[in-house]
Amino acid sequence: MVTQQNTNNEEWQFDVTITSDSTTHHTVTLNKKYWSKLTNKTTPPEELIRLSFKFLLAREANESILRKFDLKVIQTYFPEYENEIKSN
């Protein structure tokens, strides 16, 4: 479940709950410029968060995902992230 919490001129903040073998809660920040770069403003921010978690969950358990992070950090751990997200 993805819920938008806060927003300002530069970024959004989301709470994400993943229920699998166990339930985890995550706080994710999404910079508006980064969102524009990845989606060309054609994918809603909430959907980008969902797609990003789908990407992460295909590679690691929900317990391994950072509890608080900026979406941009995914690229640091998974260099293929941006290309895969842009192709969706």
PDB file of N, CA and C in Angstrom:
ATOM      1  N   MET A   1       0.847  -1.175   0.000  1.00  0.00           N
ATOM      2  CA  MET A   1       0.000   0.000   0.000  1.00  0.00           C
ATOM      3  C   MET A   1       0.899   1.247   0.000  1.00  0.00           C
ATOM      4  N   VAL A   2       0.577   2.186  -0.845  1.00  0.00           N
ATOM      5  CA  VAL A   2       1.334   3.435  -0.966  1.00  0.00           C
ATOM      6  C   VAL A   2       0.419   4.585  -0.567  1.00  0.00           C
ATOM      7  N   THR A   3       0.874   5.395   0.386  1.00  0.00           N
ATOM      8  CA  THR A   3       0.098   6.540   0.850  1.00  0.00           C
ATOM      9  C   THR A   3       0.977   7.778   0.836  1.00  0.00           C
ATOM     10  N   GLN A   4       0.525   8.801   0.127  1.00  0.00           N
ATOM     11  CA  GLN A   4       1.279  10.056   0.120  1.00  0.00           C
ATOM     12  C   GLN A   4       1.097  10.751   1.466  1.00  0.00           C
ATOM     13  N   GLN A   5       2.194  11.204   2.050  1.00  0.00           N
ATOM     14  CA  GLN A   5       2.142  11.845   3.353  1.00  0.00           C
ATOM     15  C   GLN A   5       2.349  13.353   3.274  1.00  0.00           C
ATOM     16  N   ASN A   6       3.500  13.742   2.798  1.00  0.00           N
ATOM     17  CA  ASN A   6       3.847  15.167   2.765  1.00  0.00           C
ATOM     18  C   ASN A   6       4.287  15.543   1.369  1.00  0.00           C
ATOM     19  N   THR A   7       4.188  16.812   1.089  1.00  0.00           N
ATOM     20  CA  THR A   7       4.689  17.325  -0.174  1.00  0.00           C
ATOM     21  C   THR A   7       5.171  18.752   0.053  1.00  0.00           C
ATOM     22  N   ASN A   8       6.136  19.141  -0.737  1.00  0.00           N
ATOM     23  CA  ASN A   8       6.564  20.535  -0.756  1.00  0.00           C
ATOM     24  C   ASN A   8       6.931  20.865  -2.196  1.00  0.00           C
ATOM     25  N   ASN A   9       7.553  21.986  -2.425  1.00  0.00           N
ATOM     26  CA  ASN A   9       7.860  22.402  -3.795  1.00  0.00           C
ATOM     27  C   ASN A   9       8.840  21.472  -4.492  1.00  0.00           C
ATOM     28  N   GLU A  10       9.648  20.754  -3.716  1.00  0.00           N
ATOM     29  CA  GLU A  10      10.707  19.947  -4.315  1.00  0.00           C
ATOM     30  C   GLU A  10      10.475  18.447  -4.280  1.00  0.00           C
ATOM     31  N   GLU A  11       9.649  17.953  -3.334  1.00  0.00           N
ATOM     32  CA  GLU A  11       9.538  16.511  -3.201  1.00  0.00           C
ATOM     33  C   GLU A  11       8.224  16.069  -2.563  1.00  0.00           C
ATOM     34  N   TRP A  12       7.958  14.777  -2.726  1.00  0.00           N
ATOM     35  CA  TRP A  12       6.839  14.113  -2.065  1.00  0.00           C
ATOM     36  C   TRP A  12       7.419  13.122  -1.060  1.00  0.00           C
ATOM     37  N   GLN A  13       6.627  12.791  -0.074  1.00  0.00           N
ATOM     38  CA  GLN A  13       6.992  11.731   0.859  1.00  0.00           C
ATOM     39  C   GLN A  13       5.844  10.722   0.909  1.00  0.00           C
ATOM     40  N   PHE A  14       6.203   9.452   0.878  1.00  0.00           N
ATOM     41  CA  PHE A  14       5.221   8.378   0.876  1.00  0.00           C
ATOM     42  C   PHE A  14       5.503   7.386   1.990  1.00  0.00           C
ATOM     43  N   ASP A  15       4.440   6.834   2.529  1.00  0.00           N
ATOM     44  CA  ASP A  15       4.540   5.680   3.415  1.00  0.00           C
ATOM     45  C   ASP A  15       4.155   4.470   2.578  1.00  0.00           C
ATOM     46  N   VAL A  16       4.966   3.432   2.680  1.00  0.00           N
ATOM     47  CA  VAL A  16       4.722   2.215   1.915  1.00  0.00           C
ATOM     48  C   VAL A  16       4.671   1.046   2.893  1.00  0.00           C
ATOM     49  N   THR A  17       3.636   0.251   2.783  1.00  0.00           N
ATOM     50  CA  THR A  17       3.511  -0.961   3.592  1.00  0.00           C
ATOM     51  C   THR A  17       3.552  -2.157   2.657  1.00  0.00           C
ATOM     52  N   ILE A  18       4.453  -3.084   2.958  1.00  0.00           N
ATOM     53  CA  ILE A  18       4.590  -4.303   2.173  1.00  0.00           C
ATOM     54  C   ILE A  18       4.207  -5.472   3.070  1.00  0.00           C
ATOM     55  N   THR A  19       3.277  -6.275   2.599  1.00  0.00           N
ATOM     56  CA  THR A  19       2.892  -7.471   3.334  1.00  0.00           C
ATOM     57  C   THR A  19       3.288  -8.685   2.507  1.00  0.00           C
ATOM     58  N   SER A  20       4.193  -9.463   3.064  1.00  0.00           N
ATOM     59  CA  SER A  20       4.664 -10.685   2.424  1.00  0.00           C
ATOM     60  C   SER A  20       4.679 -11.740   3.525  1.00  0.00           C
ATOM     61  N   ASP A  21       5.814 -12.401   3.740  1.00  0.00           N
ATOM     62  CA  ASP A  21       5.923 -13.306   4.891  1.00  0.00           C
ATOM     63  C   ASP A  21       5.804 -12.508   6.180  1.00  0.00           C
ATOM     64  N   SER A  22       6.290 -11.270   6.106  1.00  0.00           N
ATOM     65  CA  SER A  22       6.151 -10.344   7.230  1.00  0.00           C
ATOM     66  C   SER A  22       5.756  -8.986   6.674  1.00  0.00           C
ATOM     67  N   THR A  23       5.287  -8.112   7.534  1.00  0.00           N
ATOM     68  CA  THR A  23       4.870  -6.774   7.106  1.00  0.00           C
ATOM     69  C   THR A  23       5.970  -5.783   7.456  1.00  0.00           C
ATOM     70  N   THR A  24       6.323  -4.948   6.473  1.00  0.00           N
ATOM     71  CA  THR A  24       7.320  -3.910   6.708  1.00  0.00           C
ATOM     72  C   THR A  24       6.744  -2.563   6.295  1.00  0.00           C
ATOM     73  N   HIS A  25       7.257  -1.510   6.917  1.00  0.00           N
ATOM     74  CA  HIS A  25       6.820  -0.145   6.633  1.00  0.00           C
ATOM     75  C   HIS A  25       8.040   0.657   6.186  1.00  0.00           C
ATOM     76  N   HIS A  26       7.844   1.464   5.167  1.00  0.00           N
ATOM     77  CA  HIS A  26       8.934   2.230   4.565  1.00  0.00           C
ATOM     78  C   HIS A  26       8.478   3.667   4.343  1.00  0.00           C
ATOM     79  N   THR A  27       9.407   4.591   4.514  1.00  0.00           N
ATOM     80  CA  THR A  27       9.169   5.996   4.207  1.00  0.00           C
ATOM     81  C   THR A  27      10.074   6.347   3.035  1.00  0.00           C
ATOM     82  N   VAL A  28       9.461   6.811   1.952  1.00  0.00           N
ATOM     83  CA  VAL A  28      10.208   7.068   0.721  1.00  0.00           C
ATOM     84  C   VAL A  28       9.994   8.511   0.286  1.00  0.00           C
ATOM     85  N   THR A  29      11.087   9.156  -0.030  1.00  0.00           N
ATOM     86  CA  THR A  29      11.064  10.517  -0.548  1.00  0.00           C
ATOM     87  C   THR A  29      11.295  10.469  -2.056  1.00  0.00           C
ATOM     88  N   LEU A  30      10.518  11.247  -2.790  1.00  0.00           N
ATOM     89  CA  LEU A  30      10.651  11.322  -4.243  1.00  0.00           C
ATOM     90  C   LEU A  30      10.797  12.771  -4.659  1.00  0.00           C
ATOM     91  N   ASN A  31      11.970  13.099  -5.163  1.00  0.00           N
ATOM     92  CA  ASN A  31      12.235  14.439  -5.666  1.00  0.00           C
ATOM     93  C   ASN A  31      11.451  14.641  -6.964  1.00  0.00           C
ATOM     94  N   LYS A  32      10.791  15.787  -7.092  1.00  0.00           N
ATOM     95  CA  LYS A  32       9.949  16.043  -8.257  1.00  0.00           C
ATOM     96  C   LYS A  32      10.747  16.088  -9.561  1.00  0.00           C
ATOM     97  N   LYS A  33      11.967  16.582  -9.534  1.00  0.00           N
ATOM     98  CA  LYS A  33      12.806  16.598 -10.738  1.00  0.00           C
ATOM     99  C   LYS A  33      13.202  15.178 -11.138  1.00  0.00           C
ATOM    100  N   TYR A  34      13.484  14.341 -10.140  1.00  0.00           N
ATOM    101  CA  TYR A  34      13.839  12.950 -10.425  1.00  0.00           C
ATOM    102  C   TYR A  34      12.627  12.214 -11.011  1.00  0.00           C
ATOM    103  N   TRP A  35      11.452  12.466 -10.456  1.00  0.00           N
ATOM    104  CA  TRP A  35      10.217  11.877 -10.990  1.00  0.00           C
ATOM    105  C   TRP A  35      10.045  12.264 -12.456  1.00  0.00           C
ATOM    106  N   SER A  36      10.245  13.528 -12.759  1.00  0.00           N
ATOM    107  CA  SER A  36      10.112  14.011 -14.129  1.00  0.00           C
ATOM    108  C   SER A  36      11.125  13.333 -15.050  1.00  0.00           C
ATOM    109  N   LYS A  37      12.345  13.177 -14.573  1.00  0.00           N
ATOM    110  CA  LYS A  37      13.404  12.524 -15.356  1.00  0.00           C
ATOM    111  C   LYS A  37      13.030  11.073 -15.671  1.00  0.00           C
ATOM    112  N   LEU A  38      12.511  10.354 -14.673  1.00  0.00           N
ATOM    113  CA  LEU A  38      12.207   8.939 -14.867  1.00  0.00           C
ATOM    114  C   LEU A  38      10.937   8.698 -15.661  1.00  0.00           C
ATOM    115  N   THR A  39       9.953   9.571 -15.521  1.00  0.00           N
ATOM    116  CA  THR A  39       8.633   9.292 -16.090  1.00  0.00           C
ATOM    117  C   THR A  39       8.193  10.253 -17.183  1.00  0.00           C
ATOM    118  N   ASN A  40       8.949  11.315 -17.382  1.00  0.00           N
ATOM    119  CA  ASN A  40       8.536  12.344 -18.338  1.00  0.00           C
ATOM    120  C   ASN A  40       7.163  12.901 -17.966  1.00  0.00           C
ATOM    121  N   LYS A  41       6.860  12.833 -16.678  1.00  0.00           N
ATOM    122  CA  LYS A  41       5.594  13.313 -16.102  1.00  0.00           C
ATOM    123  C   LYS A  41       4.371  12.554 -16.619  1.00  0.00           C
ATOM    124  N   THR A  42       4.582  11.333 -17.105  1.00  0.00           N
ATOM    125  CA  THR A  42       3.466  10.557 -17.640  1.00  0.00           C
ATOM    126  C   THR A  42       2.954   9.491 -16.668  1.00  0.00           C
ATOM    127  N   THR A  43       3.718   9.211 -15.630  1.00  0.00           N
ATOM    128  CA  THR A  43       3.321   8.224 -14.622  1.00  0.00           C
ATOM    129  C   THR A  43       3.102   8.959 -13.305  1.00  0.00           C
ATOM    130  N   PRO A  44       1.970   8.775 -12.669  1.00  0.00           N
ATOM    131  CA  PRO A  44       1.746   9.438 -11.382  1.00  0.00           C
ATOM    132  C   PRO A  44       2.812   9.028 -10.355  1.00  0.00           C
ATOM    133  N   PRO A  45       3.154   9.928  -9.459  1.00  0.00           N
ATOM    134  CA  PRO A  45       4.192   9.620  -8.458  1.00  0.00           C
ATOM    135  C   PRO A  45       3.906   8.347  -7.667  1.00  0.00           C
ATOM    136  N   GLU A  46       2.657   8.140  -7.275  1.00  0.00           N
ATOM    137  CA  GLU A  46       2.309   6.938  -6.505  1.00  0.00           C
ATOM    138  C   GLU A  46       2.584   5.672  -7.311  1.00  0.00           C
ATOM    139  N   GLU A  47       2.328   5.732  -8.594  1.00  0.00           N
ATOM    140  CA  GLU A  47       2.578   4.573  -9.455  1.00  0.00           C
ATOM    141  C   GLU A  47       4.076   4.323  -9.600  1.00  0.00           C
ATOM    142  N   LEU A  48       4.867   5.374  -9.692  1.00  0.00           N
ATOM    143  CA  LEU A  48       6.323   5.212  -9.744  1.00  0.00           C
ATOM    144  C   LEU A  48       6.821   4.528  -8.472  1.00  0.00           C
ATOM    145  N   ILE A  49       6.276   4.897  -7.335  1.00  0.00           N
ATOM    146  CA  ILE A  49       6.657   4.248  -6.080  1.00  0.00           C
ATOM    147  C   ILE A  49       6.291   2.769  -6.137  1.00  0.00           C
ATOM    148  N   ARG A  50       5.084   2.452  -6.592  1.00  0.00           N
ATOM    149  CA  ARG A  50       4.657   1.044  -6.707  1.00  0.00           C
ATOM    150  C   ARG A  50       5.582   0.260  -7.640  1.00  0.00           C
ATOM    151  N   LEU A  51       5.872   0.830  -8.795  1.00  0.00           N
ATOM    152  CA  LEU A  51       6.763   0.164  -9.751  1.00  0.00           C
ATOM    153  C   LEU A  51       8.158  -0.028  -9.162  1.00  0.00           C
ATOM    154  N   SER A  52       8.601   0.936  -8.406  1.00  0.00           N
ATOM    155  CA  SER A  52       9.935   0.845  -7.797  1.00  0.00           C
ATOM    156  C   SER A  52       9.989  -0.257  -6.750  1.00  0.00           C
ATOM    157  N   PHE A  53       8.923  -0.401  -5.973  1.00  0.00           N
ATOM    158  CA  PHE A  53       8.890  -1.484  -4.989  1.00  0.00           C
ATOM    159  C   PHE A  53       8.745  -2.841  -5.675  1.00  0.00           C
ATOM    160  N   LYS A  54       8.008  -2.889  -6.758  1.00  0.00           N
ATOM    161  CA  LYS A  54       7.926  -4.131  -7.526  1.00  0.00           C
ATOM    162  C   LYS A  54       9.316  -4.517  -8.023  1.00  0.00           C
ATOM    163  N   PHE A  55      10.056  -3.549  -8.519  1.00  0.00           N
ATOM    164  CA  PHE A  55      11.430  -3.755  -8.962  1.00  0.00           C
ATOM    165  C   PHE A  55      12.278  -4.286  -7.806  1.00  0.00           C
ATOM    166  N   LEU A  56      12.196  -3.636  -6.650  1.00  0.00           N
ATOM    167  CA  LEU A  56      12.994  -4.052  -5.494  1.00  0.00           C
ATOM    168  C   LEU A  56      12.624  -5.450  -5.019  1.00  0.00           C
ATOM    169  N   LEU A  57      11.336  -5.723  -4.939  1.00  0.00           N
ATOM    170  CA  LEU A  57      10.885  -7.017  -4.430  1.00  0.00           C
ATOM    171  C   LEU A  57      11.245  -8.175  -5.357  1.00  0.00           C
ATOM    172  N   ALA A  58      11.505  -7.884  -6.611  1.00  0.00           N
ATOM    173  CA  ALA A  58      11.970  -8.919  -7.534  1.00  0.00           C
ATOM    174  C   ALA A  58      13.430  -9.276  -7.267  1.00  0.00           C
ATOM    175  N   ARG A  59      14.104  -8.444  -6.471  1.00  0.00           N
ATOM    176  CA  ARG A  59      15.533  -8.630  -6.221  1.00  0.00           C
ATOM    177  C   ARG A  59      15.888  -8.928  -4.768  1.00  0.00           C
ATOM    178  N   GLU A  60      14.980  -8.584  -3.852  1.00  0.00           N
ATOM    179  CA  GLU A  60      15.273  -8.805  -2.435  1.00  0.00           C
ATOM    180  C   GLU A  60      13.981  -8.886  -1.636  1.00  0.00           C
ATOM    181  N   ALA A  61      14.083  -9.471  -0.454  1.00  0.00           N
ATOM    182  CA  ALA A  61      12.933  -9.599   0.435  1.00  0.00           C
ATOM    183  C   ALA A  61      12.554  -8.234   0.992  1.00  0.00           C
ATOM    184  N   ASN A  62      11.285  -8.073   1.339  1.00  0.00           N
ATOM    185  CA  ASN A  62      10.854  -6.779   1.877  1.00  0.00           C
ATOM    186  C   ASN A  62      11.605  -6.418   3.154  1.00  0.00           C
ATOM    187  N   GLU A  63      12.054  -7.411   3.917  1.00  0.00           N
ATOM    188  CA  GLU A  63      12.813  -7.134   5.139  1.00  0.00           C
ATOM    189  C   GLU A  63      14.189  -6.522   4.839  1.00  0.00           C
ATOM    190  N   SER A  64      14.686  -6.704   3.613  1.00  0.00           N
ATOM    191  CA  SER A  64      16.004  -6.177   3.228  1.00  0.00           C
ATOM    192  C   SER A  64      15.944  -4.756   2.678  1.00  0.00           C
ATOM    193  N   ILE A  65      14.765  -4.289   2.340  1.00  0.00           N
ATOM    194  CA  ILE A  65      14.613  -2.946   1.781  1.00  0.00           C
ATOM    195  C   ILE A  65      14.761  -1.918   2.901  1.00  0.00           C
ATOM    196  N   LEU A  66      15.510  -0.868   2.615  1.00  0.00           N
ATOM    197  CA  LEU A  66      15.716   0.193   3.607  1.00  0.00           C
ATOM    198  C   LEU A  66      14.372   0.700   4.124  1.00  0.00           C
ATOM    199  N   ARG A  67      14.331   1.054   5.384  1.00  0.00           N
ATOM    200  CA  ARG A  67      13.075   1.527   5.982  1.00  0.00           C
ATOM    201  C   ARG A  67      12.791   2.983   5.641  1.00  0.00           C
ATOM    202  N   LYS A  68      13.841   3.735   5.369  1.00  0.00           N
ATOM    203  CA  LYS A  68      13.680   5.144   4.998  1.00  0.00           C
ATOM    204  C   LYS A  68      14.739   5.472   3.953  1.00  0.00           C
ATOM    205  N   PHE A  69      14.285   5.993   2.803  1.00  0.00           N
ATOM    206  CA  PHE A  69      15.246   6.311   1.750  1.00  0.00           C
ATOM    207  C   PHE A  69      14.626   7.238   0.710  1.00  0.00           C
ATOM    208  N   ASP A  70      15.506   7.860  -0.054  1.00  0.00           N
ATOM    209  CA  ASP A  70      15.114   8.649  -1.209  1.00  0.00           C
ATOM    210  C   ASP A  70      15.119   7.709  -2.409  1.00  0.00           C
ATOM    211  N   LEU A  71      14.135   7.797  -3.263  1.00  0.00           N
ATOM    212  CA  LEU A  71      14.010   6.872  -4.382  1.00  0.00           C
ATOM    213  C   LEU A  71      15.281   6.819  -5.236  1.00  0.00           C
ATOM    214  N   LYS A  72      15.964   7.922  -5.338  1.00  0.00           N
ATOM    215  CA  LYS A  72      17.177   8.004  -6.159  1.00  0.00           C
ATOM    216  C   LYS A  72      18.260   7.017  -5.714  1.00  0.00           C
ATOM    217  N   VAL A  73      18.234   6.608  -4.443  1.00  0.00           N
ATOM    218  CA  VAL A  73      19.272   5.715  -3.915  1.00  0.00           C
ATOM    219  C   VAL A  73      19.192   4.310  -4.525  1.00  0.00           C
ATOM    220  N   ILE A  74      18.050   3.932  -5.070  1.00  0.00           N
ATOM    221  CA  ILE A  74      17.921   2.598  -5.671  1.00  0.00           C
ATOM    222  C   ILE A  74      18.968   2.404  -6.762  1.00  0.00           C
ATOM    223  N   GLN A  75      19.204   3.446  -7.548  1.00  0.00           N
ATOM    224  CA  GLN A  75      20.187   3.393  -8.636  1.00  0.00           C
ATOM    225  C   GLN A  75      21.580   3.039  -8.119  1.00  0.00           C
ATOM    226  N   THR A  76      21.888   3.436  -6.900  1.00  0.00           N
ATOM    227  CA  THR A  76      23.192   3.142  -6.302  1.00  0.00           C
ATOM    228  C   THR A  76      23.377   1.639  -6.100  1.00  0.00           C
ATOM    229  N   TYR A  77      22.319   0.968  -5.683  1.00  0.00           N
ATOM    230  CA  TYR A  77      22.381  -0.466  -5.404  1.00  0.00           C
ATOM    231  C   TYR A  77      22.107  -1.323  -6.636  1.00  0.00           C
ATOM    232  N   PHE A  78      21.273  -0.804  -7.527  1.00  0.00           N
ATOM    233  CA  PHE A  78      20.859  -1.543  -8.722  1.00  0.00           C
ATOM    234  C   PHE A  78      21.001  -0.635  -9.939  1.00  0.00           C
ATOM    235  N   PRO A  79      22.153  -0.661 -10.602  1.00  0.00           N
ATOM    236  CA  PRO A  79      22.416   0.254 -11.728  1.00  0.00           C
ATOM    237  C   PRO A  79      21.406   0.151 -12.868  1.00  0.00           C
ATOM    238  N   GLU A  80      20.700  -0.962 -12.972  1.00  0.00           N
ATOM    239  CA  GLU A  80      19.729  -1.139 -14.050  1.00  0.00           C
ATOM    240  C   GLU A  80      18.378  -0.481 -13.744  1.00  0.00           C
ATOM    241  N   TYR A  81      18.219   0.024 -12.530  1.00  0.00           N
ATOM    242  CA  TYR A  81      16.933   0.552 -12.083  1.00  0.00           C
ATOM    243  C   TYR A  81      16.333   1.598 -13.028  1.00  0.00           C
ATOM    244  N   GLU A  82      17.059   2.654 -13.297  1.00  0.00           N
ATOM    245  CA  GLU A  82      16.499   3.752 -14.103  1.00  0.00           C
ATOM    246  C   GLU A  82      16.076   3.279 -15.485  1.00  0.00           C
ATOM    247  N   ASN A  83      16.905   2.473 -16.136  1.00  0.00           N
ATOM    248  CA  ASN A  83      16.549   1.985 -17.470  1.00  0.00           C
ATOM    249  C   ASN A  83      15.297   1.120 -17.439  1.00  0.00           C
ATOM    250  N   GLU A  84      15.174   0.270 -16.429  1.00  0.00           N
ATOM    251  CA  GLU A  84      13.991  -0.594 -16.340  1.00  0.00           C
ATOM    252  C   GLU A  84      12.734   0.219 -16.039  1.00  0.00           C
ATOM    253  N   ILE A  85      12.860   1.199 -15.166  1.00  0.00           N
ATOM    254  CA  ILE A  85      11.689   2.027 -14.814  1.00  0.00           C
ATOM    255  C   ILE A  85      11.269   2.871 -16.020  1.00  0.00           C
ATOM    256  N   LYS A  86      12.227   3.416 -16.740  1.00  0.00           N
ATOM    257  CA  LYS A  86      11.891   4.242 -17.908  1.00  0.00           C
ATOM    258  C   LYS A  86      11.215   3.432 -19.000  1.00  0.00           C
ATOM    259  N   SER A  87      11.502   2.128 -19.050  1.00  0.00           N
ATOM    260  CA  SER A  87      10.898   1.289 -20.087  1.00  0.00           C
ATOM    261  C   SER A  87       9.482   0.841 -19.756  1.00  0.00           C
ATOM    262  N   ASN A  88       9.019   1.107 -18.520  1.00  0.00           N
ATOM    263  CA  ASN A  88       7.647   0.726 -18.134  1.00  0.00           C
ATOM    264  C   ASN A  88       6.626   1.709 -18.640  1.00  0.00           C
TER     265      ASN A  88
END
